[in-house]
C-alpha cells in the first residue's frame, strides 16, 4: 500500500516541488498521480502512516518525499505549508 496523491494545489508547496496529482488527459483518460511511499526515509504504507509521520513536523519545515511516478522511485524535497 501507499498514499496516492489525488490533487495538488496549483500554487502550493507540493506543486512548486514538482509533486503531481491525478488528472485527465485530452481524451478523458485518468492519469494517476504520484504515490507517496516514503517520508524522510521512513516507509509510508497508508494515508494513516503519512498523517502520523507529519504530526511532529512544523509549517516551513522541509521534508523528503519518496514517490512512485510512472513505475520509478523519485525523491523530492517539499517545504510544508498550512492548509
Protein backbone atom coordinates (compact mmCIF):
# COMPACT_ATOMS: atom_id res chain seq x y z
CA UNK A 1 0.00 0.00 0.00
CA UNK A 2 0.90 3.66 -0.10
CA UNK A 3 -0.64 7.12 -0.10
CA UNK A 4 -1.96 8.21 -3.50
CA UNK A 5 -1.96 11.88 -4.43
CA UNK A 6 -5.34 12.81 -5.86
CA UNK A 7 -4.75 16.51 -6.38
CA UNK A 8 -2.15 19.20 -5.78
CA UNK A 9 -2.94 22.88 -5.15
CA UNK A 10 -1.68 24.70 -8.26
CA UNK A 11 0.38 27.30 -6.37
CA UNK A 12 1.08 25.23 -3.28
CA UNK A 13 4.37 23.97 -1.91
CA UNK A 14 3.84 20.46 -3.32
CA UNK A 15 3.27 21.81 -6.84
CA UNK A 16 6.36 24.03 -6.57
CA UNK A 17 8.37 20.97 -5.53
CA UNK A 18 7.11 19.03 -8.56
CA UNK A 19 4.57 16.69 -6.92
CA UNK A 20 1.90 15.57 -9.41
CA UNK A 21 -1.72 14.76 -8.66
CA UNK A 22 -4.07 12.60 -10.73
CA UNK A 23 -5.57 14.29 -13.79
CA UNK A 24 -7.41 13.58 -17.03
CA UNK A 25 -5.76 13.79 -20.42
CA UNK A 26 -7.32 15.34 -23.52
CA UNK A 27 -9.16 12.09 -24.25
CA UNK A 28 -10.76 11.85 -20.81
CA UNK A 29 -8.45 9.09 -19.60
CA UNK A 30 -7.41 9.19 -15.95
CA UNK A 31 -3.67 9.65 -15.47
CA UNK A 32 -2.64 8.56 -11.99
CA UNK A 33 -0.61 10.98 -9.93
CA UNK A 34 2.39 10.36 -7.74
CA UNK A 35 2.21 7.83 -4.92
CA UNK A 36 3.94 8.60 -1.61
CA UNK A 37 5.93 5.56 -0.44
CA UNK A 38 8.30 7.28 1.99
CA UNK A 39 8.84 10.40 4.10
CA UNK A 40 12.32 11.29 5.36
CA UNK A 41 13.43 7.70 4.75
CA UNK A 42 10.55 6.07 6.67
CA UNK A 43 8.15 3.88 4.68
CA UNK A 44 4.60 5.11 4.09
CA UNK A 45 2.13 2.27 3.60
CA UNK A 46 -1.15 4.19 4.06
CA UNK A 47 -2.66 7.63 4.49
CA UNK A 48 -2.64 6.96 8.24
CA UNK A 49 1.15 6.41 8.13
CA UNK A 50 1.56 9.70 6.28
CA UNK A 51 -0.52 11.63 8.82
CA UNK A 52 1.41 10.09 11.72
CA UNK A 53 4.74 10.96 10.08
CA UNK A 54 3.66 14.58 9.65
CA UNK A 55 2.31 15.04 13.19
CA UNK A 56 5.60 16.22 14.67
CA UNK A 57 6.55 18.41 11.70
CA UNK A 58 6.13 22.18 11.58
CA UNK A 59 4.97 24.55 8.87
CA UNK A 60 8.03 25.70 6.92
CA UNK A 61 9.99 22.51 7.67
CA UNK A 62 11.42 20.73 4.63
CA UNK A 63 10.79 17.00 4.25
CA UNK A 64 11.93 14.49 1.65
CA UNK A 65 9.14 12.59 -0.07
CA UNK A 66 9.87 9.30 -1.80
CA UNK A 67 7.37 8.95 -4.63
CA UNK A 68 6.46 6.40 -7.26
CA UNK A 69 5.94 8.09 -10.61
CA UNK A 70 5.30 6.02 -13.72
CA UNK A 71 6.88 2.98 -12.02
CA UNK A 72 10.06 4.81 -10.95
CA UNK A 73 11.09 5.96 -7.48
CA UNK A 74 11.99 9.61 -7.15
CA UNK A 75 12.73 11.87 -4.18
CA UNK A 76 11.54 15.45 -3.86
CA UNK A 77 12.15 17.99 -1.12
CA UNK A 78 8.94 19.73 -0.04
CA UNK A 79 8.57 22.68 2.32
CA UNK A 80 5.46 22.11 4.47
CA UNK A 81 2.73 24.75 4.43
CA UNK A 82 -0.55 25.21 6.26
CA UNK A 83 -3.87 24.47 4.60
